[in-house]
Amino acid sequence: MTREQYLLQCLQEECAEVQLICSKYNRFGPESHHPDDPKKVTNRKLLALEIIDLMAVIQAVGMNQMLEEMHPKDIEPAIKAKMDR
């Protein structure tokens, strides 16, 4: 497995983990937690942790020159447009 393949696999897995916790957050609520979790980590906290993991992988993908160059002048309008929707 190449480094690119590994990072793409990590990216895919992190996206799936974010998707899963979003589903649990939606189904059971933000303050709910797994009944067998002795630490009672809430879905809200798990979502934050998974998003941090995803951001780390996105950064690794970028640092390995796997993305087209992205300029703040291009990113900011795209984020604003997404937020407006």
Protein backbone atom coordinates (compact mmCIF):
# COMPACT_ATOMS: atom_id res chain seq x y z
CA MET A 1 0.00 0.00 0.00
CA THR A 2 1.39 3.38 -0.95
CA ARG A 3 1.34 6.37 1.37
CA GLU A 4 -1.36 7.97 -0.79
CA GLN A 5 -3.52 4.83 -0.59
CA TYR A 6 -3.03 4.71 3.17
CA LEU A 7 -4.01 8.35 3.63
CA LEU A 8 -7.05 7.97 1.38
CA GLN A 9 -8.12 4.93 3.41
CA CYS A 10 -7.69 6.95 6.62
CA LEU A 11 -9.71 9.81 5.12
CA GLN A 12 -12.48 7.44 4.10
CA GLU A 13 -12.57 5.84 7.55
CA GLU A 14 -12.65 9.17 9.38
CA CYS A 15 -15.48 10.40 7.16
CA ALA A 16 -17.40 7.21 7.97
CA GLU A 17 -16.81 7.73 11.70
CA VAL A 18 -18.13 11.29 11.49
CA GLN A 19 -21.14 9.98 9.57
CA LEU A 20 -21.79 7.33 12.23
CA ILE A 21 -21.65 9.71 15.20
CA CYS A 22 -23.87 12.18 13.32
CA SER A 23 -26.43 9.41 13.02
CA LYS A 24 -26.20 8.57 16.73
CA TYR A 25 -26.38 12.27 17.65
CA ASN A 26 -29.50 12.59 15.51
CA ARG A 27 -31.14 9.39 16.76
CA PHE A 28 -30.39 9.55 20.45
CA GLY A 29 -29.59 13.22 21.07
CA PRO A 30 -26.45 15.23 21.75
CA GLU A 31 -26.24 14.46 25.46
CA SER A 32 -26.87 10.73 25.09
CA HIS A 33 -24.03 8.23 25.51
CA HIS A 34 -23.50 4.53 24.94
CA PRO A 35 -25.09 2.65 27.85
CA ASP A 36 -21.94 0.53 28.35
CA ASP A 37 -19.56 3.50 28.42
CA PRO A 38 -18.33 3.96 32.00
CA LYS A 39 -17.04 7.45 31.11
CA LYS A 40 -20.44 8.43 29.66
CA VAL A 41 -18.89 10.37 26.78
CA THR A 42 -21.73 12.24 25.09
CA ASN A 43 -22.51 12.21 21.39
CA ARG A 44 -21.70 15.94 21.35
CA LYS A 45 -18.17 15.22 22.64
CA LEU A 46 -17.72 12.22 20.34
CA LEU A 47 -18.70 14.35 17.35
CA ALA A 48 -16.09 16.95 18.30
CA LEU A 49 -13.42 14.26 18.70
CA GLU A 50 -14.25 12.66 15.35
CA ILE A 51 -14.19 16.01 13.56
CA ILE A 52 -10.76 16.72 15.07
CA ASP A 53 -9.55 13.33 13.79
CA LEU A 54 -10.97 14.13 10.35
CA MET A 55 -9.27 17.53 10.33
CA ALA A 56 -5.94 15.87 11.20
CA VAL A 57 -6.26 13.45 8.29
CA ILE A 58 -7.27 16.27 5.93
CA GLN A 59 -4.14 18.13 6.99
CA ALA A 60 -2.00 15.02 6.37
CA VAL A 61 -3.54 14.62 2.91
CA GLY A 62 -2.75 18.25 2.15
CA MET A 63 0.80 18.01 3.49
CA ASN A 64 1.42 15.07 1.16
CA GLN A 65 0.53 17.18 -1.89
CA MET A 66 -2.54 15.08 -2.64
CA LEU A 67 -4.81 18.09 -3.17
CA GLU A 68 -4.86 20.90 -5.65
CA GLU A 69 -3.57 24.06 -4.03
CA MET A 70 -6.30 25.83 -2.11
CA HIS A 71 -6.15 29.57 -1.53
CA PRO A 72 -8.01 31.38 1.26
CA LYS A 73 -9.56 33.64 -1.38
CA ASP A 74 -11.23 30.53 -2.84
CA ILE A 75 -12.04 28.79 0.44
CA GLU A 76 -13.72 31.66 2.28
CA PRO A 77 -16.44 32.29 -0.35
CA ALA A 78 -17.14 28.56 -0.57
CA ILE A 79 -17.53 28.32 3.21
CA LYS A 80 -19.78 31.37 3.24
CA ALA A 81 -21.95 29.94 0.45
CA LYS A 82 -22.26 26.64 2.35
CA MET A 83 -23.19 28.44 5.57
CA ASP A 84 -25.79 30.53 3.74
CA ARG A 85 -27.49 27.37 2.48
